[in-house]
Amino acid sequence: MATGVAAAPPVVASATGSPGTVDEQKAAGVGILLQISMLVLSFVLGHILRRRKFYYLPEASGSLLIGMIVGGLANISNTQKSTRRWFNFREDFFLLFLLPPIIFQSGFSLAPKPFFSNFGAIITFAILGTFIASIVTGLLVYVGGLIYIIYRLPLVECMMFGALVSATDPVTVLSIFQELGTDTNLYALVFGESVLNDAVAISLYRTMATMRTHPSGQNFFLVILRFLENFVGSMSSGIGVGLISALLFKYAALGVENLHNLESCLFVLFPYFSYMLAEGIGLSGIVSILFTGIVMKRYTFSNLSEDSQRFTARFFHLLSSLAEAFVFIYMGFDIAMERQSWSHVGFIFFSIIFILLARAANVFSCAYILNLARPPHCQIPRQYQQALWYSGLRGAMAFALALQSVHDLPDGHGETIFTATTSIVVLTVLLIGGSTGTMLEALQVVGDSNRYHQLYEENSDVNDTGYMGQNYDEGPSTSSKFKSKLRDIRRSTSSFALLDKNYLTPIFTSQNGDRNDDTPDNSPIADKELTVSRGPSDLEGHD
């Protein structure tokens, strides 16, 4: 009888006139098995590389190479069609299911003290710097097309390319930062800027895409206004959802033993609620879920029971790790399997040069502005600026937006941009990621070789308000009004820290609301991202 039951499915398939159904199911099973096998291989390889402290092939680079090797083998075999059919997925799946957990975890894993201590610098690099990098890249690509050294694109499409390729994803760099013991503040600058500049890049890309479809009556002022509307609206919706979740968990009393499962389920659902809410009202879900992650970690997380804190922290870290590994595997697989638009190699070559120049304009100009507002002993060192410039890898976000541009842009322009972006991602991940350890040692910003810890510790004179008190206005009497404005901005940043401490934290958290600031290292739920709070916060309050 058991044999008859087992034989029933093929008989039914044959009787219904669809004998190919069984073959499709087998192909689906092979495709899923292939994906799982590559994920397992990626994690095992990453573990071996970490254990042996082999920094020349980081985890992301390993996942990318695994995807390229498997895709290349499938490409030269007779299984290409079936493999491609079950491994491929559309960009909506990519944007709706893979990127949200990665972006949420980025905001959720921010260590509060280093992040808020350097909040002014992070905001400057993320918003102003990303805007500068996008405009510079777009203009260089456009001018290159005008003088016929590269493939010519319309101005708006050049700006779209500049926006999407300005999204940095230094996952590889940051993992090496942790292994080598880089300064907490340098880590916070790189991590915070990469988290927020994803949101800025998405808003810029969507603003430029709207300009392309509705070009009438558009000018530079309206572009900035539309960008601010999209970014601020998305940020506000994310913050609003995060604060509502904090109030819910504070007053709903879900921390009792028999409600832990309900508490965890609700906490997991709020990020996707934020994402879908923003998308539903025409805003950016990625921007919204990012700020939801920051707010929920700051206020909501402390209202959970200890069991729910352990579960949610590990759950989101698990989702993010799986999604991130799969993204890099898919990128490698897609590079080997897809027909790339290699007819414009010059566009790819000069694009790499242009993004390096734009990254330099971003980092060094913003650092110069920030240093105008800092006392001499608290300025961002040149070595830190060079590390920031070098850490501008491109990854999942740039790839996702480039994938979307294939459908947004006609006449093959999207394919050209996608090929260029994919090449940039591969080169930056493999070359920059593999040489990060050597770069950090050469700049002397890791471990005992870091010359700036002692300098900051000796000269820091931070009062209780969070900014430099007696030295804050020191300087020549001929200081410009511009510097005075910058110093006022720094004071306002400290005022926000006081507002958070005196009002927001008591309103939105329970009595142990600031526990996460003080003891992130001793918490059982601390994951590898939270370890950035270890070590002295040397620049605390200087922004």
Protein backbone atom coordinates (compact mmCIF):
# COMPACT_ATOMS: atom_id res chain seq x y z
CA MET A 1 0.00 0.00 0.00
CA ALA A 2 2.87 2.32 0.74
CA THR A 3 4.19 1.67 -2.76
CA GLY A 4 0.87 2.66 -4.31
CA VAL A 5 0.84 5.93 -2.41
CA ALA A 6 4.38 6.76 -3.49
CA ALA A 7 3.57 6.06 -7.12
CA ALA A 8 0.44 8.18 -7.14
CA PRO A 9 1.99 11.61 -7.91
CA PRO A 10 3.62 10.58 -11.23
CA VAL A 11 0.41 8.86 -12.32
CA VAL A 12 -1.62 11.97 -11.59
CA ALA A 13 0.84 14.19 -13.42
CA SER A 14 0.77 11.93 -16.45
CA ALA A 15 -3.00 11.63 -16.40
CA THR A 16 -3.46 15.37 -16.38
CA GLY A 17 -1.29 15.75 -19.44
CA SER A 18 1.57 17.55 -17.68
CA PRO A 19 4.46 15.08 -17.47
CA GLY A 20 6.86 18.03 -17.28
CA THR A 21 5.62 18.85 -13.77
CA VAL A 22 7.80 16.16 -12.22
CA ASP A 23 10.87 17.41 -14.08
CA GLU A 24 10.15 20.97 -12.96
CA GLN A 25 9.88 19.83 -9.34
CA LYS A 26 13.18 18.01 -9.64
CA ALA A 27 14.81 21.07 -11.19
CA ALA A 28 13.41 23.23 -8.38
CA GLY A 29 14.80 20.84 -5.82
CA VAL A 30 18.21 20.87 -7.48
CA GLY A 31 18.17 24.67 -7.62
CA ILE A 32 17.28 25.01 -3.92
CA LEU A 33 19.88 22.39 -3.00
CA LEU A 34 22.47 24.35 -4.99
CA GLN A 35 21.63 27.58 -3.16
CA ILE A 36 21.77 25.93 0.28
CA SER A 37 25.06 24.22 -0.59
CA MET A 38 26.62 27.52 -1.62
CA LEU A 39 25.40 29.20 1.58
CA VAL A 40 26.85 26.39 3.70
CA LEU A 41 30.15 26.57 1.81
CA SER A 42 30.21 30.36 2.21
CA PHE A 43 29.76 30.25 5.99
CA VAL A 44 32.26 27.42 6.45
CA LEU A 45 34.82 29.20 4.31
CA GLY A 46 34.25 32.46 6.22
CA HIS A 47 34.76 30.66 9.53
CA ILE A 48 38.01 29.07 8.34
CA LEU A 49 39.31 32.40 7.05
CA ARG A 50 38.53 34.12 10.37
CA ARG A 51 40.16 31.37 12.41
CA ARG A 52 43.33 31.57 10.36
CA LYS A 53 43.22 35.40 10.30
CA PHE A 54 43.54 35.41 6.53
CA TYR A 55 42.41 38.96 5.72
CA TYR A 56 43.21 38.87 2.00
CA LEU A 57 39.96 37.02 1.27
CA PRO A 58 37.16 38.38 3.48
CA GLU A 59 33.81 36.60 3.84
CA ALA A 60 32.00 38.77 1.31
CA SER A 61 34.76 38.18 -1.23
CA GLY A 62 34.56 34.44 -0.58
CA SER A 63 30.78 34.42 -1.16
CA LEU A 64 31.22 36.42 -4.35
CA LEU A 65 33.85 34.01 -5.68
CA ILE A 66 31.72 30.98 -4.81
CA GLY A 67 28.84 32.41 -6.82
CA MET A 68 31.13 33.19 -9.77
CA ILE A 69 32.65 29.70 -9.77
CA VAL A 70 29.29 27.90 -9.58
CA GLY A 71 27.80 30.22 -12.20
CA GLY A 72 30.76 29.64 -14.49
CA LEU A 73 30.45 25.85 -14.13
CA ALA A 74 26.72 26.02 -14.84
CA ASN A 75 27.37 28.26 -17.81
CA ILE A 76 29.67 25.75 -19.52
CA SER A 77 27.52 22.72 -18.67
CA ASN A 78 24.24 21.57 -20.15
CA THR A 79 22.36 22.45 -16.96
CA GLN A 80 22.45 26.20 -17.54
CA LYS A 81 18.78 26.60 -18.44
CA SER A 82 17.35 24.65 -15.49
CA THR A 83 19.87 26.09 -13.05
CA ARG A 84 19.20 29.63 -14.18
CA ARG A 85 15.45 29.10 -13.99
CA TRP A 86 15.45 28.14 -10.33
CA PHE A 87 18.27 30.31 -9.10
CA ASN A 88 17.07 33.53 -10.68
CA PHE A 89 14.84 35.98 -8.87
CA ARG A 90 13.38 39.34 -9.71
CA GLU A 91 14.52 42.65 -8.26
CA ASP A 92 11.25 43.06 -6.35
CA PHE A 93 12.12 39.91 -4.37
CA PHE A 94 15.57 41.34 -3.88
CA LEU A 95 14.26 44.68 -2.62
CA LEU A 96 11.33 43.34 -0.57
CA PHE A 97 12.85 40.31 1.13
CA LEU A 98 16.65 40.44 1.07
CA LEU A 99 17.58 44.08 1.56
CA PRO A 100 15.14 44.98 4.41
CA PRO A 101 16.70 42.63 7.01
CA ILE A 102 20.19 43.81 6.02
CA ILE A 103 19.26 47.48 6.33
CA PHE A 104 17.28 46.98 9.55
CA GLN A 105 20.17 45.10 11.14
CA SER A 106 22.51 47.92 10.14
CA GLY A 107 20.42 50.43 12.08
CA PHE A 108 19.64 48.00 14.89
CA SER A 109 23.29 47.09 15.53
CA LEU A 110 24.56 50.66 15.90
CA ALA A 111 26.35 51.05 19.22
CA PRO A 112 24.68 54.13 20.75
CA LYS A 113 27.64 55.85 22.39
CA PRO A 114 30.12 55.87 19.48
CA PHE A 115 27.33 56.66 17.02
CA PHE A 116 25.80 59.59 18.88
CA SER A 117 29.18 60.87 20.02
CA ASN A 118 30.15 61.26 16.37
CA PHE A 119 26.65 62.02 15.15
CA GLY A 120 27.50 65.38 13.58
CA ALA A 121 30.36 63.97 11.53
CA ILE A 122 28.34 60.93 10.49
CA ILE A 123 25.43 63.08 9.29
CA THR A 124 27.81 65.36 7.41
CA PHE A 125 29.54 62.49 5.61
CA ALA A 126 26.29 60.61 4.96
CA ILE A 127 24.07 63.43 3.68
CA LEU A 128 26.32 66.21 2.40
CA GLY A 129 29.10 63.83 1.38
CA THR A 130 26.83 61.42 -0.49
CA PHE A 131 25.18 64.34 -2.27
CA ILE A 132 28.61 65.66 -3.30
CA ALA A 133 29.75 62.21 -4.47
CA SER A 134 26.56 61.68 -6.49
CA ILE A 135 26.74 65.06 -8.22
CA VAL A 136 30.49 64.77 -8.93
CA THR A 137 30.14 61.25 -10.35
CA GLY A 138 27.15 62.19 -12.48
CA LEU A 139 28.82 65.32 -13.87
CA LEU A 140 32.09 63.51 -14.63
CA VAL A 141 30.21 60.75 -16.48
CA TYR A 142 28.20 63.34 -18.41
CA VAL A 143 31.27 65.40 -19.34
CA GLY A 144 33.10 62.21 -20.33
CA GLY A 145 30.26 61.45 -22.71
CA LEU A 146 30.30 64.96 -24.14
CA ILE A 147 33.98 64.71 -25.05
CA TYR A 148 33.49 61.15 -26.39
CA ILE A 149 35.87 59.32 -24.07
CA ILE A 150 33.03 57.12 -22.75
CA TYR A 151 29.54 56.02 -23.73
CA ARG A 152 27.25 59.06 -23.71
CA LEU A 153 24.21 59.13 -21.42
CA PRO A 154 21.63 61.89 -20.86
CA LEU A 155 22.32 64.15 -17.88
CA VAL A 156 19.49 62.79 -15.70
CA GLU A 157 20.58 59.20 -16.30
CA CYS A 158 24.16 60.18 -15.42
CA MET A 159 22.83 61.58 -12.15
CA MET A 160 20.89 58.36 -11.52
CA PHE A 161 24.10 56.39 -12.02
CA GLY A 162 25.96 58.78 -9.72
CA ALA A 163 23.31 58.32 -7.02
CA LEU A 164 23.18 54.53 -7.11
CA VAL A 165 26.94 54.05 -7.24
CA SER A 166 27.46 56.38 -4.26
CA ALA A 167 25.88 53.86 -1.88
CA THR A 168 28.76 52.29 0.06
CA ASP A 169 28.63 48.90 1.74
CA PRO A 170 31.86 48.36 3.72
CA VAL A 171 30.85 45.04 5.29
CA THR A 172 34.20 43.55 4.35
CA VAL A 173 36.17 46.51 5.70
CA LEU A 174 34.30 46.65 8.99
CA SER A 175 34.82 42.97 9.76
CA ILE A 176 38.57 43.53 9.37
CA PHE A 177 38.32 46.71 11.47
CA GLN A 178 37.01 44.58 14.33
CA GLU A 179 39.59 41.83 13.93
CA LEU A 180 42.51 44.27 13.97
CA GLY A 181 41.22 46.48 16.80
CA THR A 182 40.59 49.74 14.98
CA ASP A 183 39.68 52.83 17.00
CA THR A 184 36.03 52.91 18.09
CA ASN A 185 35.45 56.35 16.62
CA LEU A 186 36.89 55.47 13.21
CA TYR A 187 34.67 52.38 13.17
CA ALA A 188 31.66 54.50 14.12
CA LEU A 189 32.39 57.01 11.35
CA VAL A 190 32.71 54.33 8.67
CA PHE A 191 29.77 52.25 9.88
CA GLY A 192 27.45 55.16 10.58
CA GLU A 193 28.19 56.83 7.26
CA SER A 194 27.61 53.61 5.30
CA VAL A 195 24.31 52.96 7.08
CA LEU A 196 22.87 56.42 6.49
CA ASN A 197 24.27 56.98 3.01
CA ASP A 198 22.30 54.00 1.72
CA ALA A 199 19.16 55.91 2.65
CA VAL A 200 20.44 59.10 1.00
CA ALA A 201 21.47 57.26 -2.17
CA ILE A 202 18.03 55.64 -2.50
CA SER A 203 16.27 58.98 -2.10
CA LEU A 204 18.57 60.63 -4.65
CA TYR A 205 18.09 57.79 -7.13
CA ARG A 206 14.32 57.92 -6.85
CA THR A 207 14.32 61.69 -7.14
CA MET A 208 16.37 61.53 -10.34
CA ALA A 209 14.15 58.73 -11.69
CA THR A 210 11.09 60.92 -11.08
CA MET A 211 12.81 63.78 -12.90
CA ARG A 212 13.40 61.56 -15.92
CA THR A 213 9.75 60.56 -16.19
CA HIS A 214 8.38 64.05 -15.37
CA PRO A 215 10.96 66.48 -16.77
CA SER A 216 8.67 69.49 -17.24
CA GLY A 217 9.19 72.40 -14.87
CA GLN A 218 12.10 70.79 -13.04
CA ASN A 219 15.10 72.77 -11.83
CA PHE A 220 17.89 72.23 -9.36
CA PHE A 221 15.94 73.75 -6.47
CA LEU A 222 12.98 71.46 -7.09
CA VAL A 223 15.31 68.46 -7.25
CA ILE A 224 16.70 69.27 -3.81
CA LEU A 225 13.20 69.93 -2.48
CA ARG A 226 11.90 66.62 -3.82
CA PHE A 227 14.89 64.77 -2.39
CA LEU A 228 14.36 66.33 1.04
CA GLU A 229 10.65 65.55 0.87
CA ASN A 230 11.32 61.89 0.10
CA PHE A 231 14.14 61.48 2.59
CA VAL A 232 12.59 63.39 5.49
CA GLY A 233 9.18 61.80 4.90
CA SER A 234 10.66 58.29 4.87
CA MET A 235 12.79 59.04 7.92
CA SER A 236 9.80 60.47 9.79
CA SER A 237 7.62 57.45 9.07
CA GLY A 238 10.37 55.11 10.27
CA ILE A 239 10.96 57.10 13.45
CA GLY A 240 7.21 57.31 14.08
CA VAL A 241 6.73 53.56 13.79
CA GLY A 242 9.73 52.97 16.06
CA LEU A 243 8.40 55.30 18.75
CA ILE A 244 4.92 53.76 18.57
CA SER A 245 6.47 50.32 19.06
CA ALA A 246 8.40 51.64 22.09
CA LEU A 247 5.20 52.91 23.72
CA LEU A 248 3.38 49.67 22.94
CA PHE A 249 6.00 47.47 24.57
CA LYS A 250 6.39 49.85 27.50
CA TYR A 251 2.72 49.85 28.50
CA ALA A 252 1.35 46.56 27.10
CA ALA A 253 3.08 44.46 29.79
CA LEU A 254 4.02 41.65 27.41
CA GLY A 255 7.12 40.68 29.35
CA VAL A 256 5.42 38.02 31.46
CA GLU A 257 6.53 34.46 30.92
CA ASN A 258 3.57 33.18 28.88
CA LEU A 259 3.64 36.14 26.48
CA HIS A 260 7.30 36.03 25.39
CA ASN A 261 6.37 34.48 22.07
CA LEU A 262 3.78 37.20 21.35
CA GLU A 263 6.27 39.88 22.39
CA SER A 264 8.93 38.55 20.02
CA CYS A 265 6.48 38.15 17.13
CA LEU A 266 5.25 41.74 17.45
CA PHE A 267 8.80 43.07 17.61
CA VAL A 268 9.73 41.18 14.43
CA LEU A 269 6.65 42.49 12.58
CA PHE A 270 7.16 46.19 13.28
CA PRO A 271 10.13 46.67 10.88
CA TYR A 272 8.19 45.24 7.95
CA PHE A 273 5.17 47.31 8.94
CA SER A 274 7.39 50.38 8.70
CA TYR A 275 8.74 49.27 5.31
CA MET A 276 5.32 48.58 3.80
CA LEU A 277 3.82 51.77 5.24
CA ALA A 278 6.46 53.90 3.56
CA GLU A 279 6.15 52.06 0.25
CA GLY A 280 2.37 52.32 0.40
CA ILE A 281 2.43 56.12 0.68
CA GLY A 282 5.02 56.54 -2.07
CA LEU A 283 8.12 56.94 0.10
CA SER A 284 11.27 54.84 0.51
CA GLY A 285 10.73 51.69 2.56
CA ILE A 286 14.48 51.11 2.89
CA VAL A 287 15.00 54.55 4.43
CA SER A 288 12.05 54.02 6.74
CA ILE A 289 13.16 50.60 7.98
CA LEU A 290 16.67 51.90 8.60
CA PHE A 291 15.48 54.58 11.02
CA THR A 292 12.98 52.16 12.53
CA GLY A 293 15.95 49.94 13.38
CA ILE A 294 17.84 52.82 15.00
CA VAL A 295 14.83 53.93 17.07
CA MET A 296 13.74 50.42 18.06
CA LYS A 297 17.25 49.59 19.26
CA ARG A 298 17.45 52.87 21.19
CA TYR A 299 14.01 52.79 22.85
CA THR A 300 11.95 49.67 22.11
CA PHE A 301 14.61 47.04 22.75
CA SER A 302 15.05 47.94 26.43
CA ASN A 303 11.29 47.45 26.99
CA LEU A 304 11.53 43.77 26.06
CA SER A 305 12.06 40.92 28.48
CA GLU A 306 15.54 39.38 28.57
CA ASP A 307 14.37 36.27 26.71
CA SER A 308 12.84 38.36 23.95
CA GLN A 309 15.98 40.51 23.74
CA ARG A 310 18.12 37.44 23.21
CA PHE A 311 15.78 36.00 20.60
CA THR A 312 15.20 39.16 18.56
CA ALA A 313 18.87 40.19 18.51
CA ARG A 314 19.96 36.76 17.34
CA PHE A 315 17.04 36.44 14.92
CA PHE A 316 17.77 39.67 13.08
CA HIS A 317 21.48 38.92 13.03
CA LEU A 318 20.68 35.50 11.56
CA LEU A 319 18.40 36.97 8.88
CA SER A 320 20.94 39.65 8.00
CA SER A 321 23.82 37.16 7.74
CA LEU A 322 21.84 34.80 5.51
CA ALA A 323 20.56 37.62 3.29
CA GLU A 324 23.99 39.22 3.01
CA ALA A 325 25.72 35.98 2.07
CA PHE A 326 23.01 35.17 -0.46
CA VAL A 327 23.27 38.64 -2.01
CA PHE A 328 27.00 38.30 -2.65
CA ILE A 329 26.56 34.72 -3.91
CA TYR A 330 23.83 35.87 -6.26
CA MET A 331 25.95 38.76 -7.52
CA GLY A 332 28.78 36.37 -8.35
CA PHE A 333 26.39 33.89 -9.95
CA ASP A 334 24.70 36.61 -11.98
CA ILE A 335 28.03 37.95 -13.24
CA ALA A 336 28.95 34.51 -14.59
CA MET A 337 25.52 33.66 -16.02
CA GLU A 338 24.14 36.94 -17.36
CA ARG A 339 25.01 38.45 -20.69
CA GLN A 340 26.72 41.62 -19.58
CA SER A 341 26.92 44.69 -21.79
CA TRP A 342 30.68 44.59 -22.36
CA SER A 343 30.51 46.71 -25.50
CA HIS A 344 31.36 49.82 -23.47
CA VAL A 345 34.49 48.81 -21.55
CA GLY A 346 35.68 52.42 -21.53
CA PHE A 347 32.56 53.42 -19.59
CA ILE A 348 33.42 50.86 -16.92
CA PHE A 349 37.08 51.87 -16.71
CA PHE A 350 36.44 55.59 -16.42
CA SER A 351 33.51 55.04 -14.04
CA ILE A 352 35.91 53.42 -11.57
CA ILE A 353 38.22 56.43 -11.80
CA PHE A 354 35.28 58.82 -11.45
CA ILE A 355 33.92 57.18 -8.28
CA LEU A 356 37.38 57.28 -6.69
CA LEU A 357 37.60 61.01 -7.42
CA ALA A 358 34.04 61.57 -6.18
CA ARG A 359 34.75 59.63 -2.99
CA ALA A 360 37.80 61.81 -2.39
CA ALA A 361 35.72 64.95 -2.93
CA ASN A 362 33.18 63.58 -0.47
CA VAL A 363 35.53 62.61 2.35
CA PHE A 364 38.17 65.33 2.25
CA SER A 365 35.79 68.25 1.71
CA CYS A 366 33.46 67.14 4.52
CA ALA A 367 36.41 66.48 6.84
CA TYR A 368 37.73 69.98 6.09
CA ILE A 369 34.36 71.52 7.00
CA LEU A 370 34.14 69.44 10.19
CA ASN A 371 37.67 70.34 11.25
CA LEU A 372 36.81 74.03 10.96
CA ALA A 373 34.41 73.52 13.86
CA ARG A 374 36.75 71.39 15.98
CA PRO A 375 39.49 72.47 18.35
CA PRO A 376 42.98 71.63 17.03
CA HIS A 377 43.43 68.61 19.27
CA CYS A 378 40.07 67.08 18.27
CA GLN A 379 40.25 67.28 14.50
CA ILE A 380 39.79 64.25 12.27
CA PRO A 381 43.34 63.09 11.46
CA ARG A 382 44.48 62.76 7.88
CA GLN A 383 44.98 59.02 8.42
CA TYR A 384 41.33 58.64 9.44
CA GLN A 385 40.25 60.55 6.35
CA GLN A 386 42.31 58.26 4.14
CA ALA A 387 40.79 55.21 5.84
CA LEU A 388 37.31 56.63 5.20
CA TRP A 389 38.15 57.21 1.55
CA TYR A 390 39.55 53.71 1.16
CA SER A 391 36.56 52.04 2.82
CA GLY A 392 34.11 53.14 0.13
CA LEU A 393 33.26 49.67 -1.17
CA ARG A 394 30.13 49.16 -3.25
CA GLY A 395 27.86 46.25 -2.46
CA ALA A 396 24.26 45.13 -2.07
CA MET A 397 22.55 48.53 -2.28
CA ALA A 398 24.39 49.68 -5.40
CA PHE A 399 23.73 46.29 -7.01
CA ALA A 400 20.01 46.44 -6.16
CA LEU A 401 19.56 49.94 -7.57
CA ALA A 402 21.53 49.01 -10.69
CA LEU A 403 19.29 45.98 -11.12
CA GLN A 404 16.28 48.28 -10.88
CA SER A 405 17.80 50.68 -13.42
CA VAL A 406 17.64 47.94 -16.07
CA HIS A 407 13.85 48.35 -16.02
CA ASP A 408 13.85 52.08 -15.34
CA LEU A 409 16.07 53.10 -18.27
CA PRO A 410 15.39 52.32 -21.94
CA ASP A 411 17.64 51.89 -25.00
CA GLY A 412 20.13 49.65 -23.23
CA HIS A 413 21.28 52.40 -20.86
CA GLY A 414 20.17 50.34 -17.87
CA GLU A 415 22.18 47.33 -19.04
CA THR A 416 25.28 49.50 -19.45
CA ILE A 417 24.86 50.95 -15.95
CA PHE A 418 24.22 47.50 -14.51
CA THR A 419 27.38 46.06 -16.06
CA ALA A 420 29.47 49.00 -14.86
CA THR A 421 28.04 48.79 -11.34
CA THR A 422 28.57 45.04 -11.16
CA SER A 423 32.19 45.45 -12.24
CA ILE A 424 32.70 48.17 -9.64
CA VAL A 425 31.23 45.94 -6.91
CA VAL A 426 33.50 43.02 -7.84
CA LEU A 427 36.66 45.12 -8.04
CA THR A 428 36.05 47.02 -4.81
CA VAL A 429 35.06 43.93 -2.83
CA LEU A 430 37.96 41.79 -4.06
CA LEU A 431 40.75 44.37 -4.30
CA ILE A 432 39.88 46.88 -1.59
CA GLY A 433 38.45 44.26 0.75
CA GLY A 434 41.52 42.06 0.39
CA SER A 435 43.98 44.91 0.97
CA THR A 436 42.18 46.57 3.90
CA GLY A 437 44.38 45.00 6.55
CA THR A 438 47.55 46.18 4.82
CA MET A 439 46.06 49.66 4.40
CA LEU A 440 45.13 49.99 8.08
CA GLU A 441 48.59 48.91 9.19
CA ALA A 442 50.23 51.32 6.75
CA LEU A 443 48.12 54.19 8.10
CA GLN A 444 48.94 53.14 11.69
CA VAL A 445 45.34 53.29 12.89
CA VAL A 446 45.02 49.79 14.36
CA GLY A 447 45.94 48.26 17.67
CA ASP A 448 48.97 49.58 19.51
CA SER A 449 50.17 51.40 16.39
CA ASN A 450 47.30 53.89 16.61
CA ARG A 451 48.97 57.16 17.58
CA TYR A 452 45.72 59.04 18.14
CA HIS A 453 44.28 57.29 21.22
CA GLN A 454 46.75 58.94 23.57
CA LEU A 455 46.42 62.30 21.84
CA TYR A 456 42.66 62.38 22.31
CA GLU A 457 42.78 61.05 25.86
CA GLU A 458 45.29 63.67 26.94
CA ASN A 459 43.45 66.61 25.40
CA SER A 460 39.80 65.65 25.93
CA ASP A 461 38.07 68.06 28.28
CA VAL A 462 34.43 67.17 27.88
CA ASN A 463 31.94 68.52 30.36
CA ASP A 464 28.59 67.04 31.34
CA THR A 465 26.73 68.73 28.53
CA GLY A 466 28.58 66.61 25.99
CA TYR A 467 30.72 69.19 24.18
CA MET A 468 33.95 71.02 24.77
CA GLY A 469 33.21 73.61 27.40
CA GLN A 470 36.07 75.96 28.12
CA ASN A 471 37.93 75.32 24.86
CA TYR A 472 34.89 75.45 22.63
CA ASP A 473 35.19 79.08 21.57
CA GLU A 474 38.92 79.34 21.75
CA GLY A 475 40.64 80.67 18.68
CA PRO A 476 41.62 83.93 17.09
CA SER A 477 39.23 86.84 17.41
CA THR A 478 39.10 87.08 13.61
CA SER A 479 37.31 83.72 13.29
CA SER A 480 34.79 83.81 10.51
CA LYS A 481 31.03 83.74 10.87
CA PHE A 482 31.11 80.42 9.03
CA LYS A 483 33.09 78.81 11.84
CA SER A 484 30.68 80.29 14.39
CA LYS A 485 27.76 78.71 12.56
CA LEU A 486 29.51 75.35 12.55
CA ARG A 487 30.12 75.61 16.28
CA ASP A 488 26.46 76.42 16.84
CA ILE A 489 25.59 73.23 14.98
CA ARG A 490 27.86 71.29 17.31
CA ARG A 491 26.12 72.81 20.30
CA SER A 492 22.75 71.80 18.88
CA THR A 493 24.00 68.21 18.55
CA SER A 494 24.86 68.23 22.25
CA SER A 495 21.42 69.69 22.98
CA PHE A 496 19.88 66.72 21.20
CA ALA A 497 21.86 64.37 23.46
CA LEU A 498 20.47 66.19 26.49
CA LEU A 499 16.94 66.05 25.05
CA ASP A 500 17.32 62.32 24.54
CA LYS A 501 18.65 61.75 28.04
CA ASN A 502 16.19 63.96 29.94
CA TYR A 503 12.97 63.52 27.97
CA LEU A 504 12.90 60.92 25.18
CA THR A 505 14.46 58.04 27.11
CA PRO A 506 12.18 58.43 30.18
CA ILE A 507 9.08 58.76 27.98
CA PHE A 508 9.68 55.85 25.63
CA THR A 509 11.59 53.36 27.79
CA SER A 510 11.10 51.62 31.08
CA GLN A 511 13.36 52.24 34.11
CA ASN A 512 16.23 50.29 32.58
CA GLY A 513 15.97 52.34 29.39
CA ASP A 514 19.61 53.42 29.24
CA ARG A 515 21.01 50.01 30.06
CA ASN A 516 22.05 49.47 26.46
CA ASP A 517 24.36 52.46 26.53
CA ASP A 518 26.29 51.37 29.57
CA THR A 519 26.67 47.64 29.30
CA PRO A 520 26.55 46.49 25.71
CA ASP A 521 29.61 44.33 26.17
CA ASN A 522 28.31 42.38 29.14
CA SER A 523 24.91 41.72 27.63
CA PRO A 524 24.36 38.12 26.53
CA ILE A 525 22.77 39.32 23.33
CA ALA A 526 25.76 41.37 22.17
CA ASP A 527 26.69 40.32 18.67
CA LYS A 528 29.74 41.15 16.65
CA GLU A 529 28.41 44.57 15.57
CA LEU A 530 27.80 45.62 19.14
CA THR A 531 31.44 45.11 20.01
CA VAL A 532 32.24 48.47 18.51
CA SER A 533 31.25 50.01 21.84
CA ARG A 534 34.32 48.48 23.46
CA GLY A 535 37.20 50.81 24.04
CA PRO A 536 37.33 54.50 24.87
CA SER A 537 34.95 56.86 23.14
CA ASP A 538 37.71 59.35 22.63
CA LEU A 539 35.76 61.92 20.66
CA GLU A 540 32.59 61.62 22.71
CA GLY A 541 30.45 64.71 22.37
CA HIS A 542 32.79 66.46 19.92
CA ASP A 543 30.16 66.52 17.19
